[in-house]
Protein backbone atom coordinates (compact mmCIF):
# COMPACT_ATOMS: atom_id res chain seq x y z
CA MET A 1 -28.11 -13.95 8.39
CA LEU A 2 -27.07 -10.94 6.36
CA PRO A 3 -28.45 -7.66 7.69
CA SER A 4 -31.38 -6.17 5.80
CA SER A 5 -30.57 -3.34 3.41
CA SER A 6 -32.04 -0.20 1.89
CA VAL A 7 -30.81 1.54 -1.23
CA ALA A 8 -31.27 5.29 -0.89
CA MET A 9 -31.37 6.94 -4.31
CA ILE A 10 -31.78 10.60 -5.24
CA THR A 11 -32.76 11.68 -8.75
CA TYR A 12 -33.05 14.87 -10.74
CA ASN A 13 -33.60 14.94 -14.50
CA GLY A 14 -31.73 11.64 -14.78
CA GLU A 15 -33.56 9.96 -17.68
CA ARG A 16 -30.36 9.60 -19.71
CA PHE A 17 -28.63 7.05 -17.45
CA LEU A 18 -31.21 6.12 -14.81
CA GLN A 19 -32.42 2.86 -16.37
CA HIS A 20 -28.87 1.46 -16.43
CA GLN A 21 -28.51 2.09 -12.72
CA LEU A 22 -31.90 0.57 -11.88
CA ASP A 23 -31.09 -2.53 -13.94
CA SER A 24 -27.82 -2.98 -12.05
CA LEU A 25 -29.72 -2.91 -8.73
CA ALA A 26 -32.05 -5.65 -9.99
CA GLU A 27 -29.04 -7.79 -10.97
CA GLN A 28 -27.40 -7.85 -7.53
CA THR A 29 -26.46 -11.31 -6.25
CA VAL A 30 -28.02 -10.25 -2.94
CA LEU A 31 -31.01 -8.05 -3.63
CA PRO A 32 -31.79 -5.04 -1.43
CA ASP A 33 -34.84 -5.28 0.80
CA GLU A 34 -36.10 -1.96 -0.51
CA LEU A 35 -35.27 0.88 -2.88
CA VAL A 36 -36.25 4.33 -1.63
CA VAL A 37 -36.11 7.19 -4.16
CA CYS A 38 -36.43 10.92 -3.57
CA ASP A 39 -36.80 12.91 -6.77
CA ASP A 40 -35.89 16.59 -6.58
CA GLY A 41 -38.49 17.92 -9.01
CA SER A 42 -37.48 16.33 -12.31
CA THR A 43 -39.09 17.73 -15.45
CA ASP A 44 -37.98 14.96 -17.83
CA LYS A 45 -39.05 11.28 -17.90
CA THR A 46 -37.31 10.35 -14.64
CA MET A 47 -40.55 9.73 -12.71
CA GLU A 48 -41.98 7.68 -15.59
CA ILE A 49 -38.86 5.47 -15.61
CA LEU A 50 -39.00 5.02 -11.83
CA HIS A 51 -42.67 4.03 -11.72
CA ARG A 52 -42.24 1.63 -14.64
CA PHE A 53 -39.31 -0.03 -12.86
CA ALA A 54 -41.28 -0.26 -9.58
CA GLN A 55 -43.92 -2.43 -11.31
CA THR A 56 -41.43 -5.19 -12.19
CA ALA A 57 -38.62 -4.76 -9.64
CA PRO A 58 -37.72 -7.87 -7.59
CA PHE A 59 -37.89 -5.80 -4.38
CA PRO A 60 -40.21 -3.10 -2.97
CA VAL A 61 -39.73 0.40 -4.42
CA ARG A 62 -40.96 3.55 -2.68
CA ILE A 63 -40.86 6.78 -4.69
CA TYR A 64 -41.20 10.32 -3.34
CA GLN A 65 -41.09 13.61 -5.23
CA ASN A 66 -40.14 16.80 -3.42
CA GLU A 67 -42.50 19.75 -3.67
CA LYS A 68 -39.48 22.05 -4.03
CA ASN A 69 -35.88 21.46 -5.05
CA LEU A 70 -33.80 20.55 -1.97
CA GLY A 71 -30.38 20.14 -3.54
CA VAL A 72 -28.12 17.10 -3.31
CA CYS A 73 -27.21 17.29 0.37
CA ASP A 74 -30.69 17.84 1.82
CA ASN A 75 -32.25 15.36 -0.59
CA PHE A 76 -29.81 12.62 0.50
CA ARG A 77 -30.57 13.47 4.12
CA LYS A 78 -34.30 13.17 3.47
CA VAL A 79 -34.06 9.80 1.71
CA PHE A 80 -31.73 8.50 4.44
CA PHE A 81 -34.43 9.11 7.06
CA LEU A 82 -37.03 7.37 4.89
CA CYS A 83 -35.03 4.12 4.81
CA GLU A 84 -36.28 1.35 7.12
CA LYS A 85 -33.66 -1.41 6.96
CA GLU A 86 -30.48 -2.09 8.95
CA VAL A 87 -27.90 -0.94 6.41
CA THR A 88 -28.31 1.95 3.96
CA PHE A 89 -26.49 2.15 0.61
CA PHE A 90 -26.37 5.58 -1.00
CA CYS A 91 -27.03 5.58 -4.73
CA ASP A 92 -26.60 8.12 -7.53
CA GLN A 93 -28.82 8.06 -10.61
CA ASP A 94 -26.12 7.80 -13.28
CA ASP A 95 -23.75 5.04 -12.08
CA VAL A 96 -23.75 1.27 -12.57
CA TRP A 97 -23.32 -1.11 -9.63
CA PHE A 98 -21.39 -4.36 -10.09
CA PRO A 99 -23.44 -7.50 -9.24
CA GLN A 100 -21.70 -8.38 -5.94
CA LYS A 101 -21.59 -4.90 -4.39
CA LEU A 102 -24.35 -5.46 -1.82
CA GLU A 103 -23.23 -9.01 -1.03
CA LYS A 104 -19.61 -8.02 -0.31
CA VAL A 105 -20.57 -5.11 1.94
CA LEU A 106 -23.29 -6.95 3.85
CA LYS A 107 -20.97 -9.88 4.60
CA ILE A 108 -18.60 -7.50 6.36
CA MET A 109 -21.48 -5.96 8.30
CA GLU A 110 -22.64 -9.45 9.31
CA LEU A 111 -19.23 -10.64 10.52
CA GLU A 112 -18.17 -7.42 12.31
CA SER A 113 -20.96 -5.91 14.36
CA ASP A 114 -18.82 -2.94 15.45
CA VAL A 115 -18.29 -1.79 11.85
CA GLY A 116 -20.57 1.17 11.20
CA MET A 117 -19.43 2.05 7.69
CA VAL A 118 -17.98 0.24 4.68
CA VAL A 119 -16.48 2.07 1.71
CA THR A 120 -15.57 0.66 -1.70
CA TYR A 121 -13.56 1.68 -4.74
CA ASP A 122 -15.13 2.66 -8.06
CA LEU A 123 -14.19 2.35 -11.71
CA ARG A 124 -14.47 5.56 -13.76
CA ILE A 125 -16.43 5.33 -17.02
CA ASP A 126 -17.42 7.93 -19.61
CA GLU A 127 -20.91 8.80 -20.81
CA HIS A 128 -20.87 5.82 -23.19
CA GLY A 129 -19.91 3.34 -20.47
CA ARG A 130 -16.30 2.99 -21.62
CA PRO A 131 -13.60 2.76 -18.91
CA ILE A 132 -11.59 5.92 -18.41
CA HIS A 133 -8.04 4.58 -18.53
CA ARG A 134 -6.13 6.38 -15.83
CA ARG A 135 -4.75 5.45 -12.46
CA SER A 136 -7.43 5.30 -9.81
CA HIS A 137 -7.05 7.88 -7.07
CA ASP A 138 -7.72 5.08 -4.56
CA GLU A 139 -5.00 2.68 -5.67
CA HIS A 140 -2.25 4.27 -3.58
CA VAL A 141 -4.09 3.17 -0.42
CA THR A 142 -4.48 -0.51 -1.37
CA PRO A 143 -1.11 -1.91 -0.14
CA PHE A 144 -1.59 -0.25 3.24
CA LEU A 145 -5.19 -1.48 3.58
CA LEU A 146 -4.02 -5.03 2.97
CA ARG A 147 -1.86 -4.68 6.09
CA GLU A 148 -4.40 -2.84 8.24
CA ASN A 149 -7.94 -2.23 7.02
CA SER A 150 -9.00 0.71 9.18
CA PHE A 151 -9.92 4.38 9.14
CA ARG A 152 -6.47 5.13 10.57
CA THR A 153 -4.95 3.76 7.37
CA LEU A 154 -7.16 5.94 5.18
CA LEU A 155 -6.28 9.11 7.06
CA SER A 156 -2.58 8.29 7.10
CA ARG A 157 -2.73 8.20 3.28
CA LYS A 158 -4.63 11.53 3.13
CA ARG A 159 -7.96 9.93 2.18
CA PHE A 160 -10.27 12.49 3.80
CA ALA A 161 -13.47 11.94 1.80
CA TRP A 162 -15.42 9.34 -0.13
CA ALA A 163 -18.29 9.70 -2.59
CA ALA A 164 -21.79 8.71 -1.48
CA HIS A 165 -22.08 5.89 -4.03
CA ASN A 166 -19.09 4.20 -2.34
CA ILE A 167 -20.55 4.37 1.17
CA ALA A 168 -22.75 1.96 3.11
CA CYS A 169 -23.71 2.92 6.65
CA ARG A 170 -25.65 1.29 9.46
CA THR A 171 -28.97 3.11 9.47
CA SER A 172 -29.01 3.32 13.28
CA TYR A 173 -26.29 6.00 13.17
CA ARG A 174 -28.36 8.57 11.29
CA GLU A 175 -29.84 10.24 14.38
CA MET A 176 -26.31 10.76 15.69
CA LEU A 177 -25.08 12.06 12.34
CA PHE A 178 -27.94 14.51 11.75
CA GLU A 179 -29.17 16.01 14.98
CA LYS A 180 -32.56 17.70 14.58
CA ASP A 181 -32.65 19.52 11.23
CA PHE A 182 -28.89 19.83 10.93
CA SER A 183 -27.68 19.91 7.32
CA PRO A 184 -23.89 19.71 6.74
CA TYR A 185 -21.80 21.21 3.96
CA SER A 186 -21.47 17.89 2.06
CA PHE A 187 -23.53 14.79 2.75
CA ASP A 188 -21.04 12.10 1.77
CA ARG A 189 -17.95 13.80 3.16
CA TRP A 190 -19.75 14.49 6.44
CA ILE A 191 -20.73 10.83 6.88
CA PHE A 192 -17.22 9.65 6.05
CA GLN A 193 -15.40 12.02 8.42
CA VAL A 194 -17.80 11.63 11.36
CA MET A 195 -18.39 7.89 11.06
CA GLY A 196 -14.66 7.31 10.76
CA VAL A 197 -14.15 8.72 14.24
CA MET A 198 -17.34 7.36 15.84
CA SER A 199 -17.26 3.75 14.56
CA GLN A 200 -15.08 1.08 13.01
CA VAL A 201 -14.61 1.42 9.25
CA ARG A 202 -13.71 -1.18 6.65
CA THR A 203 -12.73 -0.72 3.02
CA ILE A 204 -13.23 -3.11 0.12
CA PRO A 205 -10.15 -2.25 -1.97
CA GLU A 206 -11.63 -3.15 -5.32
CA PRO A 207 -14.17 -1.47 -7.65
CA CYS A 208 -17.76 -2.30 -6.75
CA CYS A 209 -19.45 0.18 -9.06
CA ALA A 210 -18.84 2.17 -12.23
CA PHE A 211 -18.75 5.91 -11.57
CA ARG A 212 -19.93 7.70 -14.69
CA ARG A 213 -18.15 10.96 -15.53
CA HIS A 214 -20.09 12.80 -18.22
CA GLY A 215 -19.34 16.47 -17.62
CA GLY A 216 -22.74 17.12 -16.07
CA ASN A 217 -22.02 15.56 -12.67
CA VAL A 218 -22.78 17.71 -9.66
CA THR A 219 -19.18 17.29 -8.49
CA SER A 220 -17.61 17.86 -11.90
CA ARG A 221 -15.08 20.70 -11.90
CA SER A 222 -14.23 20.53 -15.57
CA ARG A 223 -17.82 20.75 -16.87
CA GLY A 224 -16.75 19.25 -20.16
CA LYS A 225 -13.49 21.19 -20.50
CA LYS A 226 -10.72 18.97 -21.92
CA ASN A 227 -7.98 21.47 -22.75
CA PRO A 228 -5.11 20.54 -20.37
CA PHE A 229 -3.96 24.15 -20.11
CA VAL A 230 -7.45 25.29 -19.11
CA LEU A 231 -7.67 22.51 -16.50
CA LEU A 232 -4.20 23.38 -15.14
CA TYR A 233 -5.11 27.07 -14.93
CA ARG A 234 -8.32 26.27 -13.04
CA ALA A 235 -6.46 23.96 -10.67
CA ILE A 236 -3.92 26.70 -9.86
CA GLN A 237 -6.74 29.19 -9.35
CA ARG A 238 -8.49 26.87 -6.90
CA ARG A 239 -5.36 26.22 -4.88
CA GLN A 240 -4.48 29.91 -4.65
CA ASP A 241 -7.99 31.17 -3.92
CA VAL A 242 -8.27 32.22 -0.29
CA GLY A 243 -12.04 31.73 -0.56
CA ASN A 244 -11.52 28.03 -1.33
CA LEU A 245 -9.08 27.68 1.57
CA TYR A 246 -11.54 29.45 3.84
CA GLY A 247 -14.35 27.11 2.73
CA GLU A 248 -12.17 24.07 3.38
CA TYR A 249 -11.23 25.47 6.78
CA LYS A 250 -14.91 25.89 7.71
CA ILE A 251 -15.60 22.28 6.67
CA TRP A 252 -13.01 20.94 9.11
CA ARG A 253 -14.16 23.30 11.87
CA GLN A 254 -17.75 22.09 11.47
CA VAL A 255 -16.66 18.47 11.93
CA ILE A 256 -14.40 19.34 14.90
CA THR A 257 -17.14 21.32 16.67
CA PHE A 258 -19.64 18.49 16.15
CA LEU A 259 -17.28 15.79 17.45
CA GLU A 260 -16.32 17.83 20.51
CA LYS A 261 -19.86 17.25 21.81
CA LYS A 262 -19.54 13.47 21.56
CA LYS A 263 -18.30 11.66 24.67
CA GLU A 264 -17.36 8.35 23.06
CA CYS A 265 -15.49 7.65 19.87
CA GLN A 266 -13.60 4.76 18.31
CA TYR A 267 -10.72 6.82 16.97
CA PRO A 268 -9.85 9.87 19.15
CA ASP A 269 -6.58 10.38 17.26
CA GLY A 270 -8.74 11.31 14.29
CA GLN A 271 -10.07 14.34 16.14
CA ILE A 272 -6.51 15.47 16.89
CA LEU A 273 -5.59 15.10 13.23
CA TYR A 274 -8.67 17.07 12.15
CA GLN A 275 -7.62 19.94 14.43
CA GLU A 276 -4.10 19.95 13.03
CA ILE A 277 -5.44 20.07 9.47
CA ALA A 278 -7.71 23.00 10.38
CA ASN A 279 -4.76 24.85 11.92
CA HIS A 280 -2.71 24.27 8.78
CA LEU A 281 -5.48 25.63 6.54
CA ARG A 282 -5.84 28.65 8.82
CA MET A 283 -2.12 29.30 8.47
CA ARG A 284 -2.30 29.04 4.67
CA ILE A 285 -5.03 31.69 4.75
CA GLU A 286 -2.69 33.84 6.85
CA VAL A 287 0.10 33.35 4.29
CA ILE A 288 -2.00 34.55 1.36
CA THR A 289 -3.64 37.48 3.17
CA HIS A 290 -0.48 38.85 4.83
CA PRO A 291 2.19 39.20 2.11
CA TRP A 292 4.59 41.05 4.42
CA LYS A 293 4.71 37.97 6.69
CA ARG A 294 4.63 35.42 3.86
CA LEU A 295 8.23 34.20 3.90
CA PHE A 296 8.31 33.95 7.68
CA LEU A 297 5.03 32.02 7.88
CA LEU A 298 5.94 29.72 5.00
CA ALA A 299 9.28 28.93 6.61
CA ARG A 300 7.66 28.08 9.96
CA GLU A 301 4.88 25.97 8.43
CA GLY A 302 7.39 24.21 6.20
CA CYS A 303 9.80 23.49 9.05
CA ILE A 304 7.17 21.68 11.09
CA ARG A 305 6.26 19.84 7.84
CA ARG A 306 2.53 20.51 7.90
CA TYR A 307 2.70 21.37 4.19
CA PHE A 308 3.96 17.84 3.60
CA ARG A 309 1.54 16.10 6.01
CA HIS A 310 -1.66 17.96 5.14
CA SER A 311 -1.11 19.57 1.71
CA LYS A 312 0.81 18.80 -1.47
CA GLY A 313 4.25 19.63 -0.10
CA LEU A 314 6.45 21.74 -2.36
CA ARG A 315 3.62 22.22 -4.84
CA ASP A 316 1.51 24.12 -2.31
CA ILE A 317 4.49 25.92 -0.80
CA LEU A 318 5.27 27.38 -4.24
CA SER A 319 1.57 27.99 -4.91
CA ASP A 320 1.17 30.01 -1.70
CA LEU A 321 4.48 31.80 -2.21
CA LEU A 322 3.42 33.02 -5.67
CA ALA A 323 -0.25 33.62 -4.86
CA TRP A 324 -1.55 37.12 -5.46
CA PRO A 325 -2.27 38.82 -2.08
CA GLN A 326 -5.98 38.61 -1.29
CA LYS A 327 -8.29 40.06 1.31
CA LEU A 328 -9.69 37.90 4.05
CA PRO A 329 -13.32 36.79 3.46
CA GLU A 330 -15.70 38.92 5.45
CA GLY A 331 -17.07 36.00 7.48
CA LEU A 332 -13.62 35.02 8.72
CA ARG A 333 -13.05 38.45 10.26
CA ARG A 334 -16.02 37.97 12.54
CA GLU A 335 -14.92 34.58 13.84
CA GLU A 336 -12.89 34.09 16.98
CA LEU A 337 -9.84 32.35 15.56
CA PRO A 338 -6.45 31.53 17.07
CA SER A 339 -3.66 33.94 16.32
CA SER A 340 -0.69 32.88 14.20
CA SER A 341 1.48 32.14 17.23
CA GLU A 342 -1.15 29.79 18.70
CA LEU A 343 -1.28 27.58 15.62
CA PHE A 344 2.14 25.99 16.17
């Protein structure tokens, strides 16, 4: 028997693409046992589309509308706790799921009871549903997954996050993931990084949904900008911004602090790797904020090859070397952090 499944969907002013996503859920070869939707205060026809679909859907549909806007992370957390079935699939409003997505994931969950999370690839499409012809950022992992399908493989290929629409998680883990009213920095990245250490993970190395990129995505950095020089300039800015490095550092520290409280885990080496990545990011902050020590710190970090293991190698070495000196963010000054000598 395949485990029962919930699809957890969040919506916000999604009338443009929502019907396509709902239709793809109704066309699954194995239907979900329920669709649970949390709308974040839409002012367009999103609620009308949802209620119309609920009348004819081949599975139960429960719809909730928040009294105030919660944002993506807290809204996903809310809908996760409203799901009642064994496995929860996280669903965006503007994608399209391929017909066998649920079936393929649930078969893995049925055969391997110790697997807590399954992740899948996606196919990028534009606002008109046309494939975006470029190399998938997941393809470099495929040959290694064919040899060993595990979280260890993903981390060894620097795959540190996965989008919510690619993740299916056993619902029983949610109390462990979100203690009390805890709300993490990023819902999908939090689940991926914590579940990877706390349970067995499997990957389906083939596209199971179409991920629509239309310039208005919450995670879109370009926001419709297509000029390659503008995109390159923004990319350089992000990589040299000590505020971005500081934010990334805090993300890893939040995961590390959370996992330190857990007595049992499936992949303890993952915690060690997380700490090493945090130390590397802390050192990169030191490089940019202390120009008089820059060459010395770059040489040390380069010699132990952390730039090559946890960053983009020579690209980030040059980026940090040429970065304009910046002040440390105020919050970092108040934290008790290891000194430079303790990071090696």
